[in-house]
Amino acid sequence: MSCVGIWLGRRGLVAVAVDGHGRAGAPLRVARTDDAAHALLAYLEASHRGTAFELVLPDRLGREAPVARVALDSGVALWLVPDGLVDAVRAVGALVNSPPPRTAAALARMPAAPVFRAQLHRFGPGDQRQLSLW
């Protein structure tokens, strides 16, 4: 299962896909609009050739960015990372002043690590226990 980490850069969102072996792909730059979110998901579905993928976003982006809503509406599973955990990982990993794709890749790797996965909030298609983000 691959995960796609999404982080807010200076010029919009940055998405980085990480495969099951932890290898990161090329970063994608995405505007913070509904059209761009639909285009990103279409591109990811095409590039994954029908295999499942999940999105990983910080809580604050999950509440603000259209990509989270579009992903849930499209049936894509979504992991939300608590903001405090993101800040701690960025500080410990020396990612605070690094380019946004490095943070996006770190986010994408979090569900694979049991110590981090226990702290994440997962939203998936058909989950009746979840509350609407909007």
Protein backbone atom coordinates (compact mmCIF):
# COMPACT_ATOMS: atom_id res chain seq x y z
CA MET A 1 0.00 0.00 0.00
CA SER A 2 1.38 3.39 -0.88
CA CYS A 3 0.66 6.60 0.96
CA VAL A 4 0.74 10.14 -0.31
CA GLY A 5 1.84 12.82 2.14
CA ILE A 6 0.51 16.31 1.61
CA TRP A 7 2.11 19.42 3.09
CA LEU A 8 1.51 23.12 2.57
CA GLY A 9 4.35 24.84 0.75
CA ARG A 10 4.75 28.51 -0.11
CA ARG A 11 3.01 28.18 -3.48
CA GLY A 12 0.34 25.63 -2.61
CA LEU A 13 0.19 22.01 -1.58
CA VAL A 14 3.02 19.56 -2.14
CA ALA A 15 2.20 15.86 -2.50
CA VAL A 16 4.77 13.04 -2.32
CA ALA A 17 3.88 9.39 -2.87
CA VAL A 18 5.82 6.78 -0.88
CA ASP A 19 5.61 3.12 -1.87
CA GLY A 20 5.43 0.13 0.47
CA HIS A 21 9.24 0.04 0.68
CA GLY A 22 9.51 3.67 1.83
CA ARG A 23 10.78 5.03 -1.49
CA ALA A 24 9.52 8.52 -2.29
CA GLY A 25 8.47 9.58 -5.76
CA ALA A 26 8.80 12.97 -7.37
CA PRO A 27 6.93 15.77 -5.61
CA LEU A 28 3.77 17.18 -7.13
CA ARG A 29 2.71 20.80 -6.67
CA VAL A 30 -1.04 21.31 -6.29
CA ALA A 31 -3.17 24.44 -5.90
CA ARG A 32 -5.61 24.61 -2.99
CA THR A 33 -8.76 24.39 -5.15
CA ASP A 34 -11.42 21.76 -5.77
CA ASP A 35 -10.37 21.40 -9.41
CA ALA A 36 -6.73 20.84 -8.43
CA ALA A 37 -7.78 18.29 -5.80
CA HIS A 38 -9.80 16.35 -8.38
CA ALA A 39 -6.88 16.49 -10.80
CA LEU A 40 -4.45 15.25 -8.14
CA LEU A 41 -6.67 12.28 -7.26
CA ALA A 42 -7.16 11.43 -10.94
CA TYR A 43 -3.40 11.54 -11.49
CA LEU A 44 -2.72 9.38 -8.41
CA GLU A 45 -5.32 6.82 -9.46
CA ALA A 46 -3.80 6.64 -12.95
CA SER A 47 -0.23 6.40 -11.66
CA HIS A 48 -1.13 3.68 -9.14
CA ARG A 49 -2.80 1.62 -11.90
CA GLY A 50 -5.79 0.60 -9.84
CA THR A 51 -3.93 -0.23 -6.62
CA ALA A 52 -5.08 1.43 -3.43
CA PHE A 53 -3.36 4.44 -1.93
CA GLU A 54 -4.08 6.59 1.11
CA LEU A 55 -3.56 10.28 1.79
CA VAL A 56 -1.77 11.56 4.89
CA LEU A 57 -2.33 15.18 5.96
CA PRO A 58 -1.80 17.24 9.11
CA ASP A 59 -5.02 17.93 11.03
CA ARG A 60 -5.02 21.61 10.07
CA LEU A 61 -4.85 20.80 6.36
CA GLY A 62 -7.53 18.17 6.77
CA ARG A 63 -9.86 20.89 8.01
CA GLU A 64 -8.84 23.54 5.46
CA ALA A 65 -7.72 21.95 2.22
CA PRO A 66 -10.29 20.84 -0.35
CA VAL A 67 -8.19 17.76 -1.12
CA ALA A 68 -9.34 16.06 2.12
CA ARG A 69 -13.03 16.52 1.32
CA VAL A 70 -12.58 15.49 -2.29
CA ALA A 71 -10.63 12.39 -1.23
CA LEU A 72 -13.34 11.25 1.17
CA ASP A 73 -16.05 11.96 -1.40
CA SER A 74 -14.07 9.86 -3.91
CA GLY A 75 -13.64 6.93 -1.51
CA VAL A 76 -9.92 7.44 -0.82
CA ALA A 77 -8.81 6.63 2.72
CA LEU A 78 -7.35 9.52 4.67
CA TRP A 79 -5.01 9.68 7.66
CA LEU A 80 -4.92 12.86 9.74
CA VAL A 81 -1.80 13.53 11.80
CA PRO A 82 -2.17 15.60 15.01
CA ASP A 83 -0.52 18.98 14.58
CA GLY A 84 1.66 18.49 17.68
CA LEU A 85 3.04 15.24 16.28
CA VAL A 86 3.82 16.91 12.94
CA ASP A 87 5.64 19.72 14.73
CA ALA A 88 7.65 17.24 16.84
CA VAL A 89 8.65 15.09 13.84
CA ARG A 90 9.68 18.18 11.89
CA ALA A 91 11.80 19.42 14.80
CA VAL A 92 13.48 16.08 15.54
CA GLY A 93 13.98 15.26 11.86
CA ALA A 94 15.49 18.69 11.12
CA LEU A 95 12.69 19.36 8.61
CA VAL A 96 11.68 22.81 9.87
CA ASN A 97 13.81 24.69 7.34
CA SER A 98 13.91 21.98 4.69
CA PRO A 99 11.97 21.96 1.41
CA PRO A 100 8.26 21.02 1.70
CA PRO A 101 8.65 17.70 -0.19
CA ARG A 102 10.75 16.30 2.66
CA THR A 103 7.97 16.94 5.18
CA ALA A 104 5.38 15.52 2.77
CA ALA A 105 7.47 12.33 2.43
CA ALA A 106 7.84 12.07 6.22
CA LEU A 107 4.06 12.33 6.59
CA ALA A 108 3.54 9.62 3.97
CA ARG A 109 5.81 7.24 5.90
CA MET A 110 3.99 7.66 9.24
CA PRO A 111 1.23 5.03 8.76
CA ALA A 112 3.92 2.37 8.17
CA ALA A 113 5.49 2.96 11.61
CA PRO A 114 3.43 1.43 14.44
CA VAL A 115 4.57 4.06 16.95
CA PHE A 116 3.17 6.82 14.72
CA ARG A 117 0.18 4.94 13.33
CA ALA A 118 -1.25 4.65 16.85
CA GLN A 119 -1.43 8.46 17.00
CA LEU A 120 -3.07 9.02 13.60
CA HIS A 121 -6.79 9.42 12.92
CA ARG A 122 -8.01 7.32 10.00
CA PHE A 123 -11.01 8.22 7.91
CA GLY A 124 -12.13 5.85 5.23
CA PRO A 125 -15.00 5.31 2.86
CA GLY A 126 -18.12 3.98 4.53
CA ASP A 127 -16.92 4.59 8.09
CA GLN A 128 -20.15 5.38 9.92
CA ARG A 129 -18.36 6.33 13.14
CA GLN A 130 -16.63 9.37 11.68
CA LEU A 131 -17.81 12.92 11.95
CA SER A 132 -17.91 15.18 8.97
CA LEU A 133 -14.87 17.45 8.64
CA TRP A 134 -17.03 20.15 7.06
